[in-house]
């Protein structure tokens, strides 16, 4: 009898797990392919390739405009993993709001070179789910 109950619960849980996997895949696609977030938020190794052992951990920016950078230009990028200060400082609610509106908790956009993303609620949740999955 207990085996039947366990199997029933496992079968009922499948759609949620499949949905979670679909959301993570969408988040990964948005972060890695559309947003190209790793190019600024992941340090590079000695060969100039993204260091996968420090994926999305923040880094010193290796890009800068010619001449004088615009006001607020960031020379570093923050750690986007759940252990980073951004999660503690902003919290999940502010991160979702930022992804949807392009505005931080202070009501202002992030400084350059960060683009002003305006994701749909579904896409913002997927991005956050993917970032939460990072170590």
C-alpha atoms as a PDB file:
ATOM      1  CA  UNK A   1       0.000   0.000   0.000  1.00  0.00           C
ATOM      2  CA  UNK A   2       2.784   2.451   0.867  1.00  0.00           C
ATOM      3  CA  UNK A   3       4.430   1.783  -2.476  1.00  0.00           C
ATOM      4  CA  UNK A   4       1.218   2.764  -4.295  1.00  0.00           C
ATOM      5  CA  UNK A   5       1.049   6.025  -2.359  1.00  0.00           C
ATOM      6  CA  UNK A   6       4.709   6.782  -3.120  1.00  0.00           C
ATOM      7  CA  UNK A   7       4.162   6.079  -6.819  1.00  0.00           C
ATOM      8  CA  UNK A   8       1.050   8.282  -6.850  1.00  0.00           C
ATOM      9  CA  UNK A   9       2.953  11.165  -5.299  1.00  0.00           C
ATOM     10  CA  UNK A  10       5.835  10.702  -7.745  1.00  0.00           C
ATOM     11  CA  UNK A  11       3.452  10.778 -10.704  1.00  0.00           C
ATOM     12  CA  UNK A  12       1.680  13.884  -9.368  1.00  0.00           C
ATOM     13  CA  UNK A  13       5.034  15.626  -8.890  1.00  0.00           C
ATOM     14  CA  UNK A  14       6.196  15.040 -12.476  1.00  0.00           C
ATOM     15  CA  UNK A  15       4.355  17.964 -14.064  1.00  0.00           C
ATOM     16  CA  UNK A  16       5.777  20.403 -11.496  1.00  0.00           C
ATOM     17  CA  UNK A  17       9.292  19.056 -12.029  1.00  0.00           C
ATOM     18  CA  UNK A  18       8.879  19.264 -15.782  1.00  0.00           C
ATOM     19  CA  UNK A  19       7.598  22.831 -15.417  1.00  0.00           C
ATOM     20  CA  UNK A  20      10.552  23.739 -13.183  1.00  0.00           C
ATOM     21  CA  UNK A  21      12.961  22.254 -15.740  1.00  0.00           C
ATOM     22  CA  UNK A  22      11.257  24.187 -18.547  1.00  0.00           C
ATOM     23  CA  UNK A  23      11.514  27.416 -16.520  1.00  0.00           C
ATOM     24  CA  UNK A  24      15.218  26.799 -15.798  1.00  0.00           C
ATOM     25  CA  UNK A  25      15.920  26.103 -19.471  1.00  0.00           C
ATOM     26  CA  UNK A  26      14.137  29.325 -20.446  1.00  0.00           C
ATOM     27  CA  UNK A  27      16.075  31.256 -17.789  1.00  0.00           C
ATOM     28  CA  UNK A  28      19.374  29.789 -18.943  1.00  0.00           C
ATOM     29  CA  UNK A  29      18.547  30.705 -22.547  1.00  0.00           C
ATOM     30  CA  UNK A  30      17.619  34.280 -21.608  1.00  0.00           C
ATOM     31  CA  UNK A  31      20.726  34.771 -19.444  1.00  0.00           C
ATOM     32  CA  UNK A  32      23.289  33.022 -21.613  1.00  0.00           C
ATOM     33  CA  UNK A  33      22.044  33.665 -25.146  1.00  0.00           C
ATOM     34  CA  UNK A  34      19.791  36.715 -25.142  1.00  0.00           C
ATOM     35  CA  UNK A  35      21.263  38.786 -22.308  1.00  0.00           C
ATOM     36  CA  UNK A  36      24.838  37.536 -22.777  1.00  0.00           C
ATOM     37  CA  UNK A  37      25.206  38.177 -19.029  1.00  0.00           C
ATOM     38  CA  UNK A  38      28.289  35.982 -18.610  1.00  0.00           C
ATOM     39  CA  UNK A  39      30.361  38.240 -20.861  1.00  0.00           C
ATOM     40  CA  UNK A  40      30.358  40.912 -18.129  1.00  0.00           C
ATOM     41  CA  UNK A  41      29.581  38.897 -14.985  1.00  0.00           C
ATOM     42  CA  UNK A  42      32.086  36.023 -15.390  1.00  0.00           C
ATOM     43  CA  UNK A  43      35.869  36.453 -15.150  1.00  0.00           C
ATOM     44  CA  UNK A  44      38.088  35.136 -17.899  1.00  0.00           C
ATOM     45  CA  UNK A  45      40.830  32.536 -17.533  1.00  0.00           C
ATOM     46  CA  UNK A  46      44.430  32.787 -18.789  1.00  0.00           C
ATOM     47  CA  UNK A  47      43.293  31.892 -22.315  1.00  0.00           C
ATOM     48  CA  UNK A  48      40.739  34.726 -22.388  1.00  0.00           C
ATOM     49  CA  UNK A  49      37.817  32.283 -22.135  1.00  0.00           C
ATOM     50  CA  UNK A  50      35.013  32.587 -19.601  1.00  0.00           C
ATOM     51  CA  UNK A  51      36.049  30.827 -16.387  1.00  0.00           C
ATOM     52  CA  UNK A  52      33.222  28.312 -15.874  1.00  0.00           C
ATOM     53  CA  UNK A  53      34.387  27.643 -12.305  1.00  0.00           C
ATOM     54  CA  UNK A  54      33.470  31.277 -11.481  1.00  0.00           C
ATOM     55  CA  UNK A  55      30.295  31.423 -13.581  1.00  0.00           C
ATOM     56  CA  UNK A  56      28.391  34.680 -12.997  1.00  0.00           C
ATOM     57  CA  UNK A  57      30.470  35.489  -9.884  1.00  0.00           C
ATOM     58  CA  UNK A  58      31.221  39.061 -10.973  1.00  0.00           C
ATOM     59  CA  UNK A  59      34.493  40.456 -12.217  1.00  0.00           C
ATOM     60  CA  UNK A  60      36.532  43.491 -13.179  1.00  0.00           C
ATOM     61  CA  UNK A  61      35.099  44.740 -16.463  1.00  0.00           C
ATOM     62  CA  UNK A  62      37.423  44.469 -19.446  1.00  0.00           C
ATOM     63  CA  UNK A  63      35.334  46.820 -21.574  1.00  0.00           C
ATOM     64  CA  UNK A  64      35.266  50.585 -21.572  1.00  0.00           C
ATOM     65  CA  UNK A  65      34.164  53.142 -24.121  1.00  0.00           C
ATOM     66  CA  UNK A  66      36.763  55.198 -25.951  1.00  0.00           C
ATOM     67  CA  UNK A  67      37.424  58.534 -24.315  1.00  0.00           C
ATOM     68  CA  UNK A  68      35.704  59.486 -21.086  1.00  0.00           C
ATOM     69  CA  UNK A  69      33.213  56.881 -19.840  1.00  0.00           C
ATOM     70  CA  UNK A  70      29.689  58.130 -19.187  1.00  0.00           C
ATOM     71  CA  UNK A  71      28.768  59.065 -15.605  1.00  0.00           C
ATOM     72  CA  UNK A  72      28.152  56.029 -13.416  1.00  0.00           C
ATOM     73  CA  UNK A  73      30.203  53.665 -15.595  1.00  0.00           C
ATOM     74  CA  UNK A  74      30.905  50.483 -13.609  1.00  0.00           C
ATOM     75  CA  UNK A  75      34.421  49.075 -13.620  1.00  0.00           C
ATOM     76  CA  UNK A  76      33.233  45.877 -11.931  1.00  0.00           C
ATOM     77  CA  UNK A  77      30.174  43.660 -12.272  1.00  0.00           C
ATOM     78  CA  UNK A  78      28.385  42.085  -9.312  1.00  0.00           C
ATOM     79  CA  UNK A  79      28.114  38.411  -8.431  1.00  0.00           C
ATOM     80  CA  UNK A  80      24.711  37.257  -9.760  1.00  0.00           C
ATOM     81  CA  UNK A  81      24.689  33.946  -7.879  1.00  0.00           C
ATOM     82  CA  UNK A  82      22.504  33.598  -4.759  1.00  0.00           C
ATOM     83  CA  UNK A  83      25.594  33.948  -2.535  1.00  0.00           C
ATOM     84  CA  UNK A  84      26.382  37.380  -3.987  1.00  0.00           C
ATOM     85  CA  UNK A  85      25.774  40.641  -2.123  1.00  0.00           C
ATOM     86  CA  UNK A  86      23.204  41.747  -4.719  1.00  0.00           C
ATOM     87  CA  UNK A  87      20.733  39.110  -3.467  1.00  0.00           C
ATOM     88  CA  UNK A  88      21.187  40.228   0.150  1.00  0.00           C
ATOM     89  CA  UNK A  89      21.083  43.915  -0.707  1.00  0.00           C
ATOM     90  CA  UNK A  90      18.100  43.811  -3.078  1.00  0.00           C
ATOM     91  CA  UNK A  91      16.227  40.602  -2.295  1.00  0.00           C
ATOM     92  CA  UNK A  92      14.227  38.514  -4.744  1.00  0.00           C
ATOM     93  CA  UNK A  93      11.344  40.987  -5.001  1.00  0.00           C
ATOM     94  CA  UNK A  94      13.585  43.852  -6.075  1.00  0.00           C
ATOM     95  CA  UNK A  95      15.453  41.598  -8.504  1.00  0.00           C
ATOM     96  CA  UNK A  96      12.174  40.576 -10.158  1.00  0.00           C
ATOM     97  CA  UNK A  97      11.075  44.214 -10.293  1.00  0.00           C
ATOM     98  CA  UNK A  98      14.421  45.172 -11.838  1.00  0.00           C
ATOM     99  CA  UNK A  99      14.151  42.491 -14.507  1.00  0.00           C
ATOM    100  CA  UNK A 100      10.647  43.694 -15.395  1.00  0.00           C
ATOM    101  CA  UNK A 101      11.140  47.464 -15.198  1.00  0.00           C
ATOM    102  CA  UNK A 102      14.879  48.054 -15.554  1.00  0.00           C
ATOM    103  CA  UNK A 103      14.773  50.005 -12.271  1.00  0.00           C
ATOM    104  CA  UNK A 104      16.566  49.104  -9.058  1.00  0.00           C
ATOM    105  CA  UNK A 105      15.228  49.511  -5.510  1.00  0.00           C
ATOM    106  CA  UNK A 106      16.206  53.199  -5.635  1.00  0.00           C
ATOM    107  CA  UNK A 107      13.922  53.714  -8.644  1.00  0.00           C
ATOM    108  CA  UNK A 108      16.840  54.323 -10.998  1.00  0.00           C
ATOM    109  CA  UNK A 109      18.319  52.150 -13.763  1.00  0.00           C
ATOM    110  CA  UNK A 110      21.589  50.326 -13.145  1.00  0.00           C
ATOM    111  CA  UNK A 111      24.619  52.278 -14.276  1.00  0.00           C
ATOM    112  CA  UNK A 112      26.269  51.700 -17.625  1.00  0.00           C
ATOM    113  CA  UNK A 113      27.205  49.423 -19.287  1.00  0.00           C
ATOM    114  CA  UNK A 114      24.232  47.458 -17.857  1.00  0.00           C
ATOM    115  CA  UNK A 115      21.358  47.492 -20.357  1.00  0.00           C
ATOM    116  CA  UNK A 116      17.853  48.337 -19.160  1.00  0.00           C
ATOM    117  CA  UNK A 117      16.066  45.000 -19.500  1.00  0.00           C
ATOM    118  CA  UNK A 118      12.276  44.864 -19.406  1.00  0.00           C
ATOM    119  CA  UNK A 119      11.327  41.202 -19.270  1.00  0.00           C
ATOM    120  CA  UNK A 120       7.778  39.887 -19.083  1.00  0.00           C
ATOM    121  CA  UNK A 121       6.803  38.481 -15.655  1.00  0.00           C
ATOM    122  CA  UNK A 122       7.259  34.924 -16.998  1.00  0.00           C
ATOM    123  CA  UNK A 123      10.722  35.703 -18.350  1.00  0.00           C
ATOM    124  CA  UNK A 124      11.787  37.610 -15.213  1.00  0.00           C
ATOM    125  CA  UNK A 125      10.776  34.618 -13.069  1.00  0.00           C
ATOM    126  CA  UNK A 126      12.697  32.271 -15.384  1.00  0.00           C
ATOM    127  CA  UNK A 127      15.845  34.421 -15.205  1.00  0.00           C
ATOM    128  CA  UNK A 128      15.594  34.535 -11.414  1.00  0.00           C
ATOM    129  CA  UNK A 129      15.031  30.751 -11.232  1.00  0.00           C
ATOM    130  CA  UNK A 130      18.144  30.160 -13.354  1.00  0.00           C
ATOM    131  CA  UNK A 131      20.260  32.554 -11.278  1.00  0.00           C
ATOM    132  CA  UNK A 132      19.024  30.865  -8.090  1.00  0.00           C
ATOM    133  CA  UNK A 133      20.232  27.522  -9.475  1.00  0.00           C
ATOM    134  CA  UNK A 134      23.830  28.744  -9.758  1.00  0.00           C
ATOM    135  CA  UNK A 135      26.430  27.880  -7.142  1.00  0.00           C
END
